[in-house]
ModelCIF file with pLDDT and N, C-alpha, C, O atoms, coordinates in Angstrom:
data_MODEL
#
_entry.id   MODEL 
#
_entity.id                         1 
_entity.type                       polymer 
_entity.pdbx_number_of_molecules   1 
#
_entity_poly.entity_id                      1 
_entity_poly.type                           'polypeptide(L)' 
_entity_poly.nstd_linkage                   no 
_entity_poly.nstd_monomer                   no 
_entity_poly.pdbx_seq_one_letter_code       
;(UNK)(UNK)(UNK)(UNK)(UNK)(UNK)(UNK)(UNK)(UNK)(UNK)(UNK)(UNK)(UNK)(UNK)(UNK)(UNK)
(UNK)(UNK)(UNK)(UNK)(UNK)(UNK)(UNK)(UNK)(UNK)(UNK)(UNK)(UNK)(UNK)(UNK)(UNK)(UNK)
(UNK)(UNK)(UNK)(UNK)(UNK)(UNK)(UNK)(UNK)(UNK)(UNK)(UNK)(UNK)
;
_entity_poly.pdbx_seq_one_letter_code_can   XXXXXXXXXXXXXXXXXXXXXXXXXXXXXXXXXXXXXXXXXXXX 
_entity_poly.pdbx_strand_id                 A 
#
loop_
_entity_poly_seq.entity_id 
_entity_poly_seq.num 
_entity_poly_seq.mon_id 
_entity_poly_seq.hetero 
1 1  UNK n 
1 2  UNK n 
1 3  UNK n 
1 4  UNK n 
1 5  UNK n 
1 6  UNK n 
1 7  UNK n 
1 8  UNK n 
1 9  UNK n 
1 10 UNK n 
1 11 UNK n 
1 12 UNK n 
1 13 UNK n 
1 14 UNK n 
1 15 UNK n 
1 16 UNK n 
1 17 UNK n 
1 18 UNK n 
1 19 UNK n 
1 20 UNK n 
1 21 UNK n 
1 22 UNK n 
1 23 UNK n 
1 24 UNK n 
1 25 UNK n 
1 26 UNK n 
1 27 UNK n 
1 28 UNK n 
1 29 UNK n 
1 30 UNK n 
1 31 UNK n 
1 32 UNK n 
1 33 UNK n 
1 34 UNK n 
1 35 UNK n 
1 36 UNK n 
1 37 UNK n 
1 38 UNK n 
1 39 UNK n 
1 40 UNK n 
1 41 UNK n 
1 42 UNK n 
1 43 UNK n 
1 44 UNK n 
#
_struct_asym.id          A 
_struct_asym.entity_id   1 
#
loop_
_ma_qa_metric.id 
_ma_qa_metric.mode 
_ma_qa_metric.name 
_ma_qa_metric.software_group_id 
_ma_qa_metric.type 
1 global pLDDT . pLDDT 
2 local  pLDDT . pLDDT 
#
_ma_qa_metric_global.metric_id      1 
_ma_qa_metric_global.metric_value   82.64 
_ma_qa_metric_global.model_id       1 
_ma_qa_metric_global.ordinal_id     1 
#
loop_
_ma_qa_metric_local.label_asym_id 
_ma_qa_metric_local.label_comp_id 
_ma_qa_metric_local.label_seq_id 
_ma_qa_metric_local.metric_id 
_ma_qa_metric_local.metric_value 
_ma_qa_metric_local.model_id 
_ma_qa_metric_local.ordinal_id 
A UNK 1  2 89.00 1 1  
A UNK 2  2 92.00 1 2  
A UNK 3  2 91.00 1 3  
A UNK 4  2 92.00 1 4  
A UNK 5  2 92.00 1 5  
A UNK 6  2 95.00 1 6  
A UNK 7  2 96.00 1 7  
A UNK 8  2 95.00 1 8  
A UNK 9  2 95.00 1 9  
A UNK 10 2 95.00 1 10 
A UNK 11 2 95.00 1 11 
A UNK 12 2 95.00 1 12 
A UNK 13 2 94.00 1 13 
A UNK 14 2 95.00 1 14 
A UNK 15 2 95.00 1 15 
A UNK 16 2 93.00 1 16 
A UNK 17 2 93.00 1 17 
A UNK 18 2 94.00 1 18 
A UNK 19 2 95.00 1 19 
A UNK 20 2 95.00 1 20 
A UNK 21 2 95.00 1 21 
A UNK 22 2 93.00 1 22 
A UNK 23 2 86.00 1 23 
A UNK 24 2 89.00 1 24 
A UNK 25 2 93.00 1 25 
A UNK 26 2 92.00 1 26 
A UNK 27 2 88.00 1 27 
A UNK 28 2 77.00 1 28 
A UNK 29 2 69.00 1 29 
A UNK 30 2 53.00 1 30 
A UNK 31 2 54.00 1 31 
A UNK 32 2 53.00 1 32 
A UNK 33 2 49.00 1 33 
A UNK 34 2 45.00 1 34 
A UNK 35 2 47.00 1 35 
A UNK 36 2 54.00 1 36 
A UNK 37 2 53.00 1 37 
A UNK 38 2 55.00 1 38 
A UNK 39 2 62.00 1 39 
A UNK 40 2 80.00 1 40 
A UNK 41 2 89.00 1 41 
A UNK 42 2 94.00 1 42 
A UNK 43 2 95.00 1 43 
A UNK 44 2 95.00 1 44 
#
loop_
_atom_site.group_PDB 
_atom_site.id 
_atom_site.type_symbol 
_atom_site.label_atom_id 
_atom_site.label_alt_id 
_atom_site.label_comp_id 
_atom_site.label_asym_id 
_atom_site.label_entity_id 
_atom_site.label_seq_id 
_atom_site.pdbx_PDB_ins_code 
_atom_site.Cartn_x 
_atom_site.Cartn_y 
_atom_site.Cartn_z 
_atom_site.occupancy 
_atom_site.B_iso_or_equiv 
_atom_site.pdbx_formal_charge 
_atom_site.auth_seq_id 
_atom_site.auth_comp_id 
_atom_site.auth_asym_id 
_atom_site.auth_atom_id 
_atom_site.pdbx_PDB_model_num 
ATOM 1   N N  . UNK A 1 1  ? 0.484  -1.216 -0.020  1.00 89.00 ? 1  UNK A N  1 
ATOM 2   C CA . UNK A 1 1  ? -0.109 0.212  0.181   1.00 89.00 ? 1  UNK A CA 1 
ATOM 3   C C  . UNK A 1 1  ? 0.800  1.232  0.081   1.00 89.00 ? 1  UNK A C  1 
ATOM 4   O O  . UNK A 1 1  ? 0.245  2.305  -0.156  1.00 89.00 ? 1  UNK A O  1 
ATOM 5   N N  . UNK A 1 2  ? 2.178  1.303  0.187   1.00 92.00 ? 2  UNK A N  1 
ATOM 6   C CA . UNK A 1 2  ? 2.987  2.411  0.541   1.00 92.00 ? 2  UNK A CA 1 
ATOM 7   C C  . UNK A 1 2  ? 3.421  2.731  -0.986  1.00 92.00 ? 2  UNK A C  1 
ATOM 8   O O  . UNK A 1 2  ? 3.912  1.824  -1.658  1.00 92.00 ? 2  UNK A O  1 
ATOM 9   N N  . UNK A 1 3  ? 3.266  3.820  -1.444  1.00 91.00 ? 3  UNK A N  1 
ATOM 10  C CA . UNK A 1 3  ? 3.657  4.509  -2.665  1.00 91.00 ? 3  UNK A CA 1 
ATOM 11  C C  . UNK A 1 3  ? 5.190  4.213  -3.143  1.00 91.00 ? 3  UNK A C  1 
ATOM 12  O O  . UNK A 1 3  ? 6.038  3.855  -2.326  1.00 91.00 ? 3  UNK A O  1 
ATOM 13  N N  . UNK A 1 4  ? 5.424  4.355  -4.253  1.00 92.00 ? 4  UNK A N  1 
ATOM 14  C CA . UNK A 1 4  ? 6.684  3.956  -4.935  1.00 92.00 ? 4  UNK A CA 1 
ATOM 15  C C  . UNK A 1 4  ? 7.507  4.717  -5.656  1.00 92.00 ? 4  UNK A C  1 
ATOM 16  O O  . UNK A 1 4  ? 6.917  5.326  -6.548  1.00 92.00 ? 4  UNK A O  1 
ATOM 17  N N  . UNK A 1 5  ? 8.651  4.903  -5.594  1.00 92.00 ? 5  UNK A N  1 
ATOM 18  C CA . UNK A 1 5  ? 9.580  5.516  -6.174  1.00 92.00 ? 5  UNK A CA 1 
ATOM 19  C C  . UNK A 1 5  ? 10.657 4.434  -6.970  1.00 92.00 ? 5  UNK A C  1 
ATOM 20  O O  . UNK A 1 5  ? 11.124 3.443  -6.409  1.00 92.00 ? 5  UNK A O  1 
ATOM 21  N N  . UNK A 1 6  ? 10.951 4.819  -8.369  1.00 95.00 ? 6  UNK A N  1 
ATOM 22  C CA . UNK A 1 6  ? 11.880 4.046  -9.050  1.00 95.00 ? 6  UNK A CA 1 
ATOM 23  C C  . UNK A 1 6  ? 13.282 4.465  -9.235  1.00 95.00 ? 6  UNK A C  1 
ATOM 24  O O  . UNK A 1 6  ? 13.495 5.350  -10.063 1.00 95.00 ? 6  UNK A O  1 
ATOM 25  N N  . UNK A 1 7  ? 14.265 3.956  -8.582  1.00 96.00 ? 7  UNK A N  1 
ATOM 26  C CA . UNK A 1 7  ? 15.759 4.537  -8.722  1.00 96.00 ? 7  UNK A CA 1 
ATOM 27  C C  . UNK A 1 7  ? 16.258 4.117  -9.791  1.00 96.00 ? 7  UNK A C  1 
ATOM 28  O O  . UNK A 1 7  ? 16.231 2.923  -10.091 1.00 96.00 ? 7  UNK A O  1 
ATOM 29  N N  . UNK A 1 8  ? 16.912 5.246  -10.698 1.00 95.00 ? 8  UNK A N  1 
ATOM 30  C CA . UNK A 1 8  ? 17.834 4.870  -11.645 1.00 95.00 ? 8  UNK A CA 1 
ATOM 31  C C  . UNK A 1 8  ? 19.055 3.954  -11.195 1.00 95.00 ? 8  UNK A C  1 
ATOM 32  O O  . UNK A 1 8  ? 19.203 3.545  -10.043 1.00 95.00 ? 8  UNK A O  1 
ATOM 33  N N  . UNK A 1 9  ? 19.853 3.706  -12.190 1.00 95.00 ? 9  UNK A N  1 
ATOM 34  C CA . UNK A 1 9  ? 20.717 2.577  -11.926 1.00 95.00 ? 9  UNK A CA 1 
ATOM 35  C C  . UNK A 1 9  ? 21.863 3.301  -11.007 1.00 95.00 ? 9  UNK A C  1 
ATOM 36  O O  . UNK A 1 9  ? 22.481 2.649  -10.166 1.00 95.00 ? 9  UNK A O  1 
ATOM 37  N N  . UNK A 1 10 ? 22.117 4.770  -11.238 1.00 95.00 ? 10 UNK A N  1 
ATOM 38  C CA . UNK A 1 10 ? 22.876 5.564  -10.437 1.00 95.00 ? 10 UNK A CA 1 
ATOM 39  C C  . UNK A 1 10 ? 22.201 5.773  -9.086  1.00 95.00 ? 10 UNK A C  1 
ATOM 40  O O  . UNK A 1 10 ? 22.913 5.741  -8.082  1.00 95.00 ? 10 UNK A O  1 
ATOM 41  N N  . UNK A 1 11 ? 21.090 5.951  -8.991  1.00 95.00 ? 11 UNK A N  1 
ATOM 42  C CA . UNK A 1 11 ? 20.351 6.159  -7.796  1.00 95.00 ? 11 UNK A CA 1 
ATOM 43  C C  . UNK A 1 11 ? 20.155 5.046  -6.919  1.00 95.00 ? 11 UNK A C  1 
ATOM 44  O O  . UNK A 1 11 ? 20.096 5.225  -5.703  1.00 95.00 ? 11 UNK A O  1 
ATOM 45  N N  . UNK A 1 12 ? 20.025 3.651  -7.555  1.00 95.00 ? 12 UNK A N  1 
ATOM 46  C CA . UNK A 1 12 ? 20.196 2.687  -6.722  1.00 95.00 ? 12 UNK A CA 1 
ATOM 47  C C  . UNK A 1 12 ? 21.618 2.279  -6.183  1.00 95.00 ? 12 UNK A C  1 
ATOM 48  O O  . UNK A 1 12 ? 21.724 1.580  -5.175  1.00 95.00 ? 12 UNK A O  1 
ATOM 49  N N  . UNK A 1 13 ? 22.491 2.648  -6.748  1.00 94.00 ? 13 UNK A N  1 
ATOM 50  C CA . UNK A 1 13 ? 23.941 2.652  -6.303  1.00 94.00 ? 13 UNK A CA 1 
ATOM 51  C C  . UNK A 1 13 ? 24.162 3.678  -5.129  1.00 94.00 ? 13 UNK A C  1 
ATOM 52  O O  . UNK A 1 13 ? 24.938 3.367  -4.226  1.00 94.00 ? 13 UNK A O  1 
ATOM 53  N N  . UNK A 1 14 ? 23.519 4.873  -5.109  1.00 95.00 ? 14 UNK A N  1 
ATOM 54  C CA . UNK A 1 14 ? 23.808 5.956  -4.084  1.00 95.00 ? 14 UNK A CA 1 
ATOM 55  C C  . UNK A 1 14 ? 22.778 5.526  -2.939  1.00 95.00 ? 14 UNK A C  1 
ATOM 56  O O  . UNK A 1 14 ? 23.236 5.662  -1.804  1.00 95.00 ? 14 UNK A O  1 
ATOM 57  N N  . UNK A 1 15 ? 21.470 5.031  -3.023  1.00 95.00 ? 15 UNK A N  1 
ATOM 58  C CA . UNK A 1 15 ? 20.525 4.938  -2.156  1.00 95.00 ? 15 UNK A CA 1 
ATOM 59  C C  . UNK A 1 15 ? 21.060 3.745  -1.046  1.00 95.00 ? 15 UNK A C  1 
ATOM 60  O O  . UNK A 1 15 ? 20.964 3.681  0.180   1.00 95.00 ? 15 UNK A O  1 
ATOM 61  N N  . UNK A 1 16 ? 21.630 2.892  -1.996  1.00 93.00 ? 16 UNK A N  1 
ATOM 62  C CA . UNK A 1 16 ? 22.302 1.547  -1.240  1.00 93.00 ? 16 UNK A CA 1 
ATOM 63  C C  . UNK A 1 16 ? 23.216 1.901  -0.138  1.00 93.00 ? 16 UNK A C  1 
ATOM 64  O O  . UNK A 1 16 ? 23.317 1.084  0.777   1.00 93.00 ? 16 UNK A O  1 
ATOM 65  N N  . UNK A 1 17 ? 23.872 2.956  -0.089  1.00 93.00 ? 17 UNK A N  1 
ATOM 66  C CA . UNK A 1 17 ? 24.862 3.338  0.503   1.00 93.00 ? 17 UNK A CA 1 
ATOM 67  C C  . UNK A 1 17 ? 24.428 4.753  1.525   1.00 93.00 ? 17 UNK A C  1 
ATOM 68  O O  . UNK A 1 17 ? 25.210 5.529  2.075   1.00 93.00 ? 17 UNK A O  1 
ATOM 69  N N  . UNK A 1 18 ? 23.195 4.764  1.544   1.00 94.00 ? 18 UNK A N  1 
ATOM 70  C CA . UNK A 1 18 ? 22.408 5.858  2.392   1.00 94.00 ? 18 UNK A CA 1 
ATOM 71  C C  . UNK A 1 18 ? 22.577 6.986  2.078   1.00 94.00 ? 18 UNK A C  1 
ATOM 72  O O  . UNK A 1 18 ? 22.526 7.841  2.961   1.00 94.00 ? 18 UNK A O  1 
ATOM 73  N N  . UNK A 1 19 ? 22.825 7.349  0.770   1.00 95.00 ? 19 UNK A N  1 
ATOM 74  C CA . UNK A 1 19 ? 23.063 8.979  0.141   1.00 95.00 ? 19 UNK A CA 1 
ATOM 75  C C  . UNK A 1 19 ? 21.468 9.156  -0.214  1.00 95.00 ? 19 UNK A C  1 
ATOM 76  O O  . UNK A 1 19 ? 20.607 8.287  -0.351  1.00 95.00 ? 19 UNK A O  1 
ATOM 77  N N  . UNK A 1 20 ? 21.380 10.549 -0.312  1.00 95.00 ? 20 UNK A N  1 
ATOM 78  C CA . UNK A 1 20 ? 19.753 11.001 -0.642  1.00 95.00 ? 20 UNK A CA 1 
ATOM 79  C C  . UNK A 1 20 ? 19.896 11.096 -2.101  1.00 95.00 ? 20 UNK A C  1 
ATOM 80  O O  . UNK A 1 20 ? 21.000 11.190 -2.638  1.00 95.00 ? 20 UNK A O  1 
ATOM 81  N N  . UNK A 1 21 ? 18.656 11.069 -2.819  1.00 95.00 ? 21 UNK A N  1 
ATOM 82  C CA . UNK A 1 21 ? 18.402 11.215 -4.099  1.00 95.00 ? 21 UNK A CA 1 
ATOM 83  C C  . UNK A 1 21 ? 17.829 12.374 -4.651  1.00 95.00 ? 21 UNK A C  1 
ATOM 84  O O  . UNK A 1 21 ? 16.810 12.922 -4.232  1.00 95.00 ? 21 UNK A O  1 
ATOM 85  N N  . UNK A 1 22 ? 18.568 12.757 -5.678  1.00 93.00 ? 22 UNK A N  1 
ATOM 86  C CA . UNK A 1 22 ? 17.825 14.117 -6.345  1.00 93.00 ? 22 UNK A CA 1 
ATOM 87  C C  . UNK A 1 22 ? 17.579 13.619 -7.905  1.00 93.00 ? 22 UNK A C  1 
ATOM 88  O O  . UNK A 1 22 ? 18.185 12.731 -8.503  1.00 93.00 ? 22 UNK A O  1 
ATOM 89  N N  . UNK A 1 23 ? 16.559 14.422 -8.356  1.00 86.00 ? 23 UNK A N  1 
ATOM 90  C CA . UNK A 1 23 ? 16.004 14.191 -9.736  1.00 86.00 ? 23 UNK A CA 1 
ATOM 91  C C  . UNK A 1 23 ? 17.585 14.652 -10.326 1.00 86.00 ? 23 UNK A C  1 
ATOM 92  O O  . UNK A 1 23 ? 18.343 15.537 -9.928  1.00 86.00 ? 23 UNK A O  1 
ATOM 93  N N  . UNK A 1 24 ? 17.732 13.599 -11.505 1.00 89.00 ? 24 UNK A N  1 
ATOM 94  C CA . UNK A 1 24 ? 16.880 12.699 -12.141 1.00 89.00 ? 24 UNK A CA 1 
ATOM 95  C C  . UNK A 1 24 ? 17.426 11.384 -11.812 1.00 89.00 ? 24 UNK A C  1 
ATOM 96  O O  . UNK A 1 24 ? 17.548 10.590 -12.744 1.00 89.00 ? 24 UNK A O  1 
ATOM 97  N N  . UNK A 1 25 ? 17.853 10.945 -10.371 1.00 93.00 ? 25 UNK A N  1 
ATOM 98  C CA . UNK A 1 25 ? 18.254 9.892  -9.713  1.00 93.00 ? 25 UNK A CA 1 
ATOM 99  C C  . UNK A 1 25 ? 16.882 8.828  -9.557  1.00 93.00 ? 25 UNK A C  1 
ATOM 100 O O  . UNK A 1 25 ? 17.049 7.609  -9.525  1.00 93.00 ? 25 UNK A O  1 
ATOM 101 N N  . UNK A 1 26 ? 15.637 9.404  -9.473  1.00 92.00 ? 26 UNK A N  1 
ATOM 102 C CA . UNK A 1 26 ? 14.719 8.855  -9.283  1.00 92.00 ? 26 UNK A CA 1 
ATOM 103 C C  . UNK A 1 26 ? 13.525 9.036  -10.034 1.00 92.00 ? 26 UNK A C  1 
ATOM 104 O O  . UNK A 1 26 ? 13.497 10.111 -10.633 1.00 92.00 ? 26 UNK A O  1 
ATOM 105 N N  . UNK A 1 27 ? 12.442 8.241  -10.195 1.00 88.00 ? 27 UNK A N  1 
ATOM 106 C CA . UNK A 1 27 ? 11.344 8.333  -11.289 1.00 88.00 ? 27 UNK A CA 1 
ATOM 107 C C  . UNK A 1 27 ? 10.063 8.154  -10.323 1.00 88.00 ? 27 UNK A C  1 
ATOM 108 O O  . UNK A 1 27 ? 9.892  7.144  -9.641  1.00 88.00 ? 27 UNK A O  1 
ATOM 109 N N  . UNK A 1 28 ? 9.241  9.186  -10.347 1.00 77.00 ? 28 UNK A N  1 
ATOM 110 C CA . UNK A 1 28 ? 7.983  9.153  -9.436  1.00 77.00 ? 28 UNK A CA 1 
ATOM 111 C C  . UNK A 1 28 ? 6.947  8.571  -10.470 1.00 77.00 ? 28 UNK A C  1 
ATOM 112 O O  . UNK A 1 28 ? 6.577  9.103  -11.516 1.00 77.00 ? 28 UNK A O  1 
ATOM 113 N N  . UNK A 1 29 ? 6.596  7.461  -9.988  1.00 69.00 ? 29 UNK A N  1 
ATOM 114 C CA . UNK A 1 29 ? 5.846  6.388  -10.867 1.00 69.00 ? 29 UNK A CA 1 
ATOM 115 C C  . UNK A 1 29 ? 4.145  7.526  -10.959 1.00 69.00 ? 29 UNK A C  1 
ATOM 116 O O  . UNK A 1 29 ? 3.652  8.330  -10.168 1.00 69.00 ? 29 UNK A O  1 
ATOM 117 N N  . UNK A 1 30 ? 3.703  6.995  -12.407 1.00 53.00 ? 30 UNK A N  1 
ATOM 118 C CA . UNK A 1 30 ? 2.629  7.967  -12.766 1.00 53.00 ? 30 UNK A CA 1 
ATOM 119 C C  . UNK A 1 30 ? 1.401  7.799  -11.819 1.00 53.00 ? 30 UNK A C  1 
ATOM 120 O O  . UNK A 1 30 ? 0.665  8.759  -11.591 1.00 53.00 ? 30 UNK A O  1 
ATOM 121 N N  . UNK A 1 31 ? 1.176  6.511  -11.244 1.00 54.00 ? 31 UNK A N  1 
ATOM 122 C CA . UNK A 1 31 ? -0.177 6.351  -10.612 1.00 54.00 ? 31 UNK A CA 1 
ATOM 123 C C  . UNK A 1 31 ? -0.083 6.988  -9.046  1.00 54.00 ? 31 UNK A C  1 
ATOM 124 O O  . UNK A 1 31 ? -1.115 7.015  -8.375  1.00 54.00 ? 31 UNK A O  1 
ATOM 125 N N  . UNK A 1 32 ? 1.162  7.489  -8.499  1.00 53.00 ? 32 UNK A N  1 
ATOM 126 C CA . UNK A 1 32 ? 1.241  8.174  -7.263  1.00 53.00 ? 32 UNK A CA 1 
ATOM 127 C C  . UNK A 1 32 ? 1.843  9.704  -7.420  1.00 53.00 ? 32 UNK A C  1 
ATOM 128 O O  . UNK A 1 32 ? 2.293  10.315 -6.451  1.00 53.00 ? 32 UNK A O  1 
ATOM 129 N N  . UNK A 1 33 ? 1.799  10.236 -8.723  1.00 49.00 ? 33 UNK A N  1 
ATOM 130 C CA . UNK A 1 33 ? 2.150  11.599 -8.403  1.00 49.00 ? 33 UNK A CA 1 
ATOM 131 C C  . UNK A 1 33 ? 1.173  12.470 -7.916  1.00 49.00 ? 33 UNK A C  1 
ATOM 132 O O  . UNK A 1 33 ? 1.593  13.610 -7.717  1.00 49.00 ? 33 UNK A O  1 
ATOM 133 N N  . UNK A 1 34 ? -0.086 12.262 -7.646  1.00 45.00 ? 34 UNK A N  1 
ATOM 134 C CA . UNK A 1 34 ? -0.913 13.264 -7.253  1.00 45.00 ? 34 UNK A CA 1 
ATOM 135 C C  . UNK A 1 34 ? -1.296 12.608 -5.834  1.00 45.00 ? 34 UNK A C  1 
ATOM 136 O O  . UNK A 1 34 ? -1.255 13.205 -4.758  1.00 45.00 ? 34 UNK A O  1 
ATOM 137 N N  . UNK A 1 35 ? -1.727 11.094 -6.059  1.00 47.00 ? 35 UNK A N  1 
ATOM 138 C CA . UNK A 1 35 ? -2.571 10.764 -4.926  1.00 47.00 ? 35 UNK A CA 1 
ATOM 139 C C  . UNK A 1 35 ? -1.756 10.370 -3.764  1.00 47.00 ? 35 UNK A C  1 
ATOM 140 O O  . UNK A 1 35 ? -2.349 10.003 -2.749  1.00 47.00 ? 35 UNK A O  1 
ATOM 141 N N  . UNK A 1 36 ? -0.255 10.408 -3.791  1.00 54.00 ? 36 UNK A N  1 
ATOM 142 C CA . UNK A 1 36 ? 0.274  10.154 -2.453  1.00 54.00 ? 36 UNK A CA 1 
ATOM 143 C C  . UNK A 1 36 ? 1.384  11.352 -2.330  1.00 54.00 ? 36 UNK A C  1 
ATOM 144 O O  . UNK A 1 36 ? 2.450  11.155 -1.746  1.00 54.00 ? 36 UNK A O  1 
ATOM 145 N N  . UNK A 1 37 ? 1.012  12.752 -2.997  1.00 53.00 ? 37 UNK A N  1 
ATOM 146 C CA . UNK A 1 37 ? 1.905  13.601 -2.580  1.00 53.00 ? 37 UNK A CA 1 
ATOM 147 C C  . UNK A 1 37 ? 2.195  13.758 -1.152  1.00 53.00 ? 37 UNK A C  1 
ATOM 148 O O  . UNK A 1 37 ? 3.331  14.044 -0.772  1.00 53.00 ? 37 UNK A O  1 
ATOM 149 N N  . UNK A 1 38 ? 1.176  13.575 -0.313  1.00 55.00 ? 38 UNK A N  1 
ATOM 150 C CA . UNK A 1 38 ? 1.295  13.983 1.190   1.00 55.00 ? 38 UNK A CA 1 
ATOM 151 C C  . UNK A 1 38 ? 2.019  12.836 1.705   1.00 55.00 ? 38 UNK A C  1 
ATOM 152 O O  . UNK A 1 38 ? 2.414  13.108 2.838   1.00 55.00 ? 38 UNK A O  1 
ATOM 153 N N  . UNK A 1 39 ? 2.375  11.608 1.331   1.00 62.00 ? 39 UNK A N  1 
ATOM 154 C CA . UNK A 1 39 ? 2.869  10.710 1.950   1.00 62.00 ? 39 UNK A CA 1 
ATOM 155 C C  . UNK A 1 39 ? 4.568  10.818 2.593   1.00 62.00 ? 39 UNK A C  1 
ATOM 156 O O  . UNK A 1 39 ? 5.538  11.049 1.870   1.00 62.00 ? 39 UNK A O  1 
ATOM 157 N N  . UNK A 1 40 ? 4.623  10.648 3.737   1.00 80.00 ? 40 UNK A N  1 
ATOM 158 C CA . UNK A 1 40 ? 6.114  10.658 4.080   1.00 80.00 ? 40 UNK A CA 1 
ATOM 159 C C  . UNK A 1 40 ? 6.903  9.398  3.942   1.00 80.00 ? 40 UNK A C  1 
ATOM 160 O O  . UNK A 1 40 ? 8.128  9.454  4.052   1.00 80.00 ? 40 UNK A O  1 
ATOM 161 N N  . UNK A 1 41 ? 6.265  8.207  3.696   1.00 89.00 ? 41 UNK A N  1 
ATOM 162 C CA . UNK A 1 41 ? 7.258  6.947  3.656   1.00 89.00 ? 41 UNK A CA 1 
ATOM 163 C C  . UNK A 1 41 ? 6.869  6.413  2.332   1.00 89.00 ? 41 UNK A C  1 
ATOM 164 O O  . UNK A 1 41 ? 5.694  6.218  2.019   1.00 89.00 ? 41 UNK A O  1 
ATOM 165 N N  . UNK A 1 42 ? 7.989  6.156  1.479   1.00 94.00 ? 42 UNK A N  1 
ATOM 166 C CA . UNK A 1 42 ? 7.932  5.602  0.005   1.00 94.00 ? 42 UNK A CA 1 
ATOM 167 C C  . UNK A 1 42 ? 8.864  4.427  0.113   1.00 94.00 ? 42 UNK A C  1 
ATOM 168 O O  . UNK A 1 42 ? 9.860  4.324  0.829   1.00 94.00 ? 42 UNK A O  1 
ATOM 169 N N  . UNK A 1 43 ? 8.281  3.437  -0.856  1.00 95.00 ? 43 UNK A N  1 
ATOM 170 C CA . UNK A 1 43 ? 9.278  2.345  -1.247  1.00 95.00 ? 43 UNK A CA 1 
ATOM 171 C C  . UNK A 1 43 ? 10.133 2.633  -2.091  1.00 95.00 ? 43 UNK A C  1 
ATOM 172 O O  . UNK A 1 43 ? 9.495  3.102  -3.033  1.00 95.00 ? 43 UNK A O  1 
ATOM 173 N N  . UNK A 1 44 ? 11.383 2.642  -2.378  1.00 95.00 ? 44 UNK A N  1 
ATOM 174 C CA . UNK A 1 44 ? 12.189 2.744  -3.251  1.00 95.00 ? 44 UNK A CA 1 
ATOM 175 C C  . UNK A 1 44 ? 12.529 1.338  -4.053  1.00 95.00 ? 44 UNK A C  1 
ATOM 176 O O  . UNK A 1 44 ? 13.347 1.334  -4.972  1.00 95.00 ? 44 UNK A O  1 
#
């Protein structure tokens, strides 16, 4: 039920080491762009 972010290959490497991601290192999936804008926890 938790909204999803998809990491790019570079983003996957960075977040695996605890580093924050910034665009364009992740993709906000279309189905969650508006409905889960207020969510604080996301699956990457």
